[in-house]
């Protein structure tokens, strides 16, 4: 009895694609929600501090404003770059099995 290696290879390929698609989708939603929450949470702090000018008289409030802006930008860029890097590693791990 001969085994059909192409069908086994195709099934493995389909399973790998399904796992890759599920992981990519899950990571997309996870990193997307982290980026959105980080951005809007820090944006809210920036809006409150900028609308109440009296808060800018204290040095620690200026520091908080600077940290919020930095955290807002870091959250967005870091999540995007991390997602692209992990997607590459998942493809690499699944193909070298």
N, C-alpha and C. Protein backbone atom coordinates (compact mmCIF):
# COMPACT_ATOMS: atom_id res chain seq x y z
N UNK A 1 0.84 -1.17 0.00
CA UNK A 1 0.00 0.00 0.00
C UNK A 1 0.89 1.24 0.00
N UNK A 2 0.68 2.12 -0.96
CA UNK A 2 1.46 3.34 -1.05
C UNK A 2 0.72 4.48 -0.37
N UNK A 3 1.50 5.27 0.32
CA UNK A 3 0.94 6.46 0.95
C UNK A 3 1.05 7.63 -0.01
N UNK A 4 0.04 8.41 0.01
CA UNK A 4 0.04 9.60 -0.83
C UNK A 4 0.63 10.75 -0.02
N UNK A 5 1.90 11.05 -0.20
CA UNK A 5 2.57 12.07 0.58
C UNK A 5 2.04 13.47 0.30
N UNK A 6 1.53 13.70 -0.87
CA UNK A 6 1.03 15.04 -1.19
C UNK A 6 -0.20 15.38 -0.37
N UNK A 7 -1.06 14.40 -0.10
CA UNK A 7 -2.25 14.70 0.70
C UNK A 7 -1.88 14.96 2.15
N UNK A 8 -0.88 14.24 2.67
CA UNK A 8 -0.42 14.48 4.04
C UNK A 8 0.21 15.86 4.13
N UNK A 9 1.00 16.22 3.16
CA UNK A 9 1.62 17.53 3.13
C UNK A 9 0.57 18.63 3.02
N UNK A 10 -0.44 18.43 2.20
CA UNK A 10 -1.49 19.43 2.05
C UNK A 10 -2.28 19.60 3.34
N UNK A 11 -2.58 18.50 4.05
CA UNK A 11 -3.31 18.59 5.31
C UNK A 11 -2.49 19.34 6.35
N UNK A 12 -1.21 19.05 6.42
CA UNK A 12 -0.33 19.75 7.35
C UNK A 12 -0.26 21.22 7.01
N UNK A 13 -0.17 21.52 5.75
CA UNK A 13 -0.13 22.91 5.29
C UNK A 13 -1.40 23.64 5.66
N UNK A 14 -2.55 23.01 5.49
CA UNK A 14 -3.83 23.63 5.83
C UNK A 14 -3.93 23.85 7.33
N UNK A 15 -3.49 22.87 8.13
CA UNK A 15 -3.52 23.02 9.58
C UNK A 15 -2.61 24.15 10.04
N UNK A 16 -1.44 24.25 9.45
CA UNK A 16 -0.52 25.33 9.80
C UNK A 16 -1.11 26.67 9.44
N UNK A 17 -1.76 26.74 8.29
CA UNK A 17 -2.39 27.99 7.88
C UNK A 17 -3.51 28.38 8.83
N UNK A 18 -4.31 27.40 9.27
CA UNK A 18 -5.40 27.68 10.21
C UNK A 18 -4.85 28.20 11.54
N UNK A 19 -3.80 27.56 12.05
CA UNK A 19 -3.20 27.99 13.32
C UNK A 19 -2.62 29.39 13.16
N UNK A 20 -1.95 29.63 12.06
CA UNK A 20 -1.36 30.94 11.81
C UNK A 20 -2.43 32.01 11.71
N UNK A 21 -3.51 31.71 11.05
CA UNK A 21 -4.60 32.68 10.89
C UNK A 21 -5.24 32.98 12.24
N UNK A 22 -5.49 31.95 13.05
CA UNK A 22 -6.09 32.17 14.36
C UNK A 22 -5.19 33.00 15.27
N UNK A 23 -3.91 32.66 15.30
CA UNK A 23 -2.97 33.42 16.13
C UNK A 23 -2.83 34.85 15.66
N UNK A 24 -2.78 35.04 14.37
CA UNK A 24 -2.66 36.39 13.82
C UNK A 24 -3.89 37.22 14.16
N UNK A 25 -5.06 36.63 14.04
CA UNK A 25 -6.29 37.35 14.35
C UNK A 25 -6.35 37.69 15.84
N UNK A 26 -6.00 36.74 16.68
CA UNK A 26 -6.03 36.98 18.12
C UNK A 26 -5.04 38.09 18.51
N UNK A 27 -3.84 38.02 17.94
CA UNK A 27 -2.85 39.05 18.25
C UNK A 27 -3.25 40.41 17.69
N UNK A 28 -3.88 40.42 16.54
CA UNK A 28 -4.33 41.68 15.96
C UNK A 28 -5.32 42.38 16.90
N UNK A 29 -6.29 41.62 17.42
CA UNK A 29 -7.27 42.20 18.33
C UNK A 29 -6.64 42.59 19.66
N UNK A 30 -5.72 41.78 20.17
CA UNK A 30 -5.08 42.09 21.45
C UNK A 30 -4.23 43.35 21.35
N UNK A 31 -3.34 43.39 20.38
CA UNK A 31 -2.48 44.56 20.25
C UNK A 31 -3.27 45.79 19.82
N UNK A 32 -4.28 45.60 19.03
CA UNK A 32 -5.13 46.73 18.64
C UNK A 32 -5.85 47.34 19.82
N UNK A 33 -6.39 46.49 20.70
CA UNK A 33 -7.10 47.02 21.86
C UNK A 33 -6.13 47.68 22.84
N UNK A 34 -4.93 47.13 23.00
CA UNK A 34 -3.93 47.78 23.86
C UNK A 34 -3.55 49.15 23.31
N UNK A 35 -3.34 49.23 22.01
CA UNK A 35 -2.95 50.50 21.39
C UNK A 35 -4.06 51.53 21.51
N UNK A 36 -5.30 51.11 21.29
CA UNK A 36 -6.43 52.05 21.36
C UNK A 36 -6.63 52.53 22.79
N UNK A 37 -6.61 51.62 23.76
CA UNK A 37 -6.78 52.02 25.16
C UNK A 37 -5.64 52.91 25.63
N UNK A 38 -4.44 52.59 25.24
CA UNK A 38 -3.29 53.42 25.61
C UNK A 38 -3.41 54.82 25.01
N UNK A 39 -3.78 54.87 23.75
CA UNK A 39 -3.88 56.16 23.08
C UNK A 39 -4.97 57.03 23.70
N UNK A 40 -6.17 56.49 23.84
CA UNK A 40 -7.29 57.31 24.32
C UNK A 40 -7.20 57.61 25.82
N UNK A 41 -6.64 56.69 26.61
CA UNK A 41 -6.44 56.98 28.03
C UNK A 41 -5.48 58.13 28.25
N UNK A 42 -4.38 58.11 27.53
CA UNK A 42 -3.41 59.19 27.66
C UNK A 42 -3.89 60.47 26.99
N UNK A 43 -4.65 60.34 25.93
CA UNK A 43 -5.23 61.52 25.29
C UNK A 43 -6.19 62.22 26.24
N UNK A 44 -6.95 61.45 27.00
CA UNK A 44 -7.87 62.03 27.99
C UNK A 44 -7.10 62.84 29.03
N UNK A 45 -6.00 62.30 29.51
CA UNK A 45 -5.17 63.03 30.47
C UNK A 45 -4.62 64.31 29.86
N UNK A 46 -4.17 64.25 28.60
CA UNK A 46 -3.65 65.44 27.93
C UNK A 46 -4.72 66.51 27.77
N UNK A 47 -5.92 66.10 27.41
CA UNK A 47 -7.02 67.06 27.23
C UNK A 47 -7.37 67.73 28.56
N UNK A 48 -7.44 66.95 29.63
CA UNK A 48 -7.78 67.52 30.94
C UNK A 48 -6.72 68.51 31.39
N UNK A 49 -5.46 68.16 31.25
CA UNK A 49 -4.39 69.06 31.69
C UNK A 49 -4.35 70.31 30.82
N UNK A 50 -4.54 70.18 29.53
CA UNK A 50 -4.48 71.35 28.65
C UNK A 50 -5.70 72.26 28.80
N UNK A 51 -6.84 71.71 29.10
CA UNK A 51 -8.04 72.55 29.27
C UNK A 51 -8.03 73.30 30.60
N UNK A 52 -7.44 72.75 31.59
CA UNK A 52 -7.32 73.42 32.90
C UNK A 52 -5.89 73.95 33.02
N UNK A 53 -5.68 75.14 32.56
CA UNK A 53 -4.34 75.73 32.49
C UNK A 53 -3.69 75.85 33.87
N UNK A 54 -4.51 75.93 34.90
CA UNK A 54 -3.97 76.04 36.25
C UNK A 54 -3.14 74.80 36.62
N UNK A 55 -3.48 73.66 36.05
CA UNK A 55 -2.73 72.44 36.33
C UNK A 55 -1.29 72.51 35.80
N UNK A 56 -1.07 73.34 34.78
CA UNK A 56 0.27 73.45 34.20
C UNK A 56 1.21 74.32 35.04
N UNK A 57 0.72 74.89 36.14
CA UNK A 57 1.58 75.69 37.00
C UNK A 57 2.49 74.82 37.85
N UNK A 58 2.08 73.60 38.11
CA UNK A 58 2.89 72.69 38.92
C UNK A 58 3.82 71.88 38.03
N UNK A 59 5.02 71.70 38.48
CA UNK A 59 6.02 70.99 37.70
C UNK A 59 5.65 69.53 37.48
N UNK A 60 5.09 68.89 38.49
CA UNK A 60 4.77 67.47 38.35
C UNK A 60 3.63 67.23 37.37
N UNK A 61 2.76 68.22 37.17
CA UNK A 61 1.70 68.07 36.17
C UNK A 61 2.28 68.18 34.75
N UNK A 62 3.28 69.01 34.58
CA UNK A 62 3.95 69.09 33.28
C UNK A 62 4.65 67.77 32.99
N UNK A 63 5.27 67.19 34.02
CA UNK A 63 5.91 65.89 33.86
C UNK A 63 4.88 64.83 33.48
N UNK A 64 3.72 64.86 34.13
CA UNK A 64 2.66 63.89 33.81
C UNK A 64 2.18 64.07 32.37
N UNK A 65 2.08 65.31 31.92
CA UNK A 65 1.68 65.58 30.54
C UNK A 65 2.72 65.02 29.56
N UNK A 66 3.99 65.25 29.84
CA UNK A 66 5.05 64.71 28.98
C UNK A 66 5.05 63.19 28.97
N UNK A 67 4.85 62.58 30.12
CA UNK A 67 4.80 61.12 30.19
C UNK A 67 3.59 60.56 29.43
N UNK A 68 2.47 61.27 29.50
CA UNK A 68 1.27 60.81 28.80
C UNK A 68 1.47 60.86 27.28
N UNK A 69 2.08 61.92 26.80
CA UNK A 69 2.33 62.04 25.36
C UNK A 69 3.31 60.95 24.91
N UNK A 70 4.37 60.75 25.69
CA UNK A 70 5.34 59.71 25.34
C UNK A 70 4.72 58.32 25.38
N UNK A 71 3.93 58.05 26.40
CA UNK A 71 3.29 56.75 26.53
C UNK A 71 2.27 56.52 25.42
N UNK A 72 1.58 57.57 25.03
CA UNK A 72 0.61 57.47 23.95
C UNK A 72 1.29 57.06 22.64
N UNK A 73 2.37 57.72 22.32
CA UNK A 73 3.09 57.41 21.09
C UNK A 73 3.79 56.06 21.16
N UNK A 74 4.36 55.74 22.31
CA UNK A 74 5.04 54.45 22.47
C UNK A 74 4.06 53.30 22.36
N UNK A 75 2.89 53.43 22.96
CA UNK A 75 1.89 52.37 22.89
C UNK A 75 1.46 52.07 21.47
N UNK A 76 1.25 53.10 20.70
CA UNK A 76 0.80 52.91 19.32
C UNK A 76 1.90 52.30 18.46
N UNK A 77 3.09 52.87 18.51
CA UNK A 77 4.17 52.37 17.66
C UNK A 77 4.69 51.01 18.11
N UNK A 78 4.78 50.81 19.42
CA UNK A 78 5.30 49.54 19.93
C UNK A 78 4.36 48.39 19.58
N UNK A 79 3.07 48.59 19.71
CA UNK A 79 2.13 47.52 19.37
C UNK A 79 2.18 47.19 17.89
N UNK A 80 2.30 48.19 17.05
CA UNK A 80 2.36 47.93 15.61
C UNK A 80 3.63 47.16 15.24
N UNK A 81 4.76 47.59 15.78
CA UNK A 81 6.01 46.90 15.47
C UNK A 81 6.06 45.50 16.08
N UNK A 82 5.54 45.36 17.28
CA UNK A 82 5.52 44.05 17.94
C UNK A 82 4.64 43.07 17.17
N UNK A 83 3.53 43.54 16.67
CA UNK A 83 2.64 42.67 15.89
C UNK A 83 3.34 42.18 14.62
N UNK A 84 4.02 43.07 13.92
CA UNK A 84 4.70 42.67 12.69
C UNK A 84 5.83 41.70 12.98
N UNK A 85 6.55 41.91 14.07
CA UNK A 85 7.65 41.02 14.42
C UNK A 85 7.12 39.64 14.81
N UNK A 86 6.08 39.56 15.61
CA UNK A 86 5.54 38.27 16.03
C UNK A 86 4.94 37.52 14.86
N UNK A 87 4.34 38.22 13.94
CA UNK A 87 3.76 37.55 12.77
C UNK A 87 4.87 36.88 11.96
N UNK A 88 6.00 37.54 11.83
CA UNK A 88 7.13 36.96 11.12
C UNK A 88 7.64 35.72 11.84
N UNK A 89 7.75 35.77 13.18
CA UNK A 89 8.25 34.63 13.95
C UNK A 89 7.29 33.45 13.89
N UNK A 90 5.99 33.69 13.90
CA UNK A 90 5.03 32.60 13.81
C UNK A 90 5.17 31.89 12.47
N UNK A 91 5.31 32.65 11.39
CA UNK A 91 5.50 32.04 10.07
C UNK A 91 6.78 31.22 10.04
N UNK A 92 7.83 31.76 10.64
CA UNK A 92 9.10 31.07 10.62
C UNK A 92 9.02 29.77 11.42
N UNK A 93 8.39 29.81 12.59
CA UNK A 93 8.29 28.59 13.42
C UNK A 93 7.43 27.52 12.76
N UNK A 94 6.36 27.92 12.10
CA UNK A 94 5.47 26.95 11.48
C UNK A 94 6.08 26.32 10.23
N UNK A 95 6.96 27.01 9.56
CA UNK A 95 7.53 26.47 8.33
C UNK A 95 8.74 25.57 8.60
N UNK A 96 9.38 25.71 9.75
CA UNK A 96 10.58 24.92 10.03
C UNK A 96 10.32 23.66 10.84
N UNK A 97 9.10 23.27 10.98
CA UNK A 97 8.79 22.05 11.72
C UNK A 97 9.15 20.84 10.96
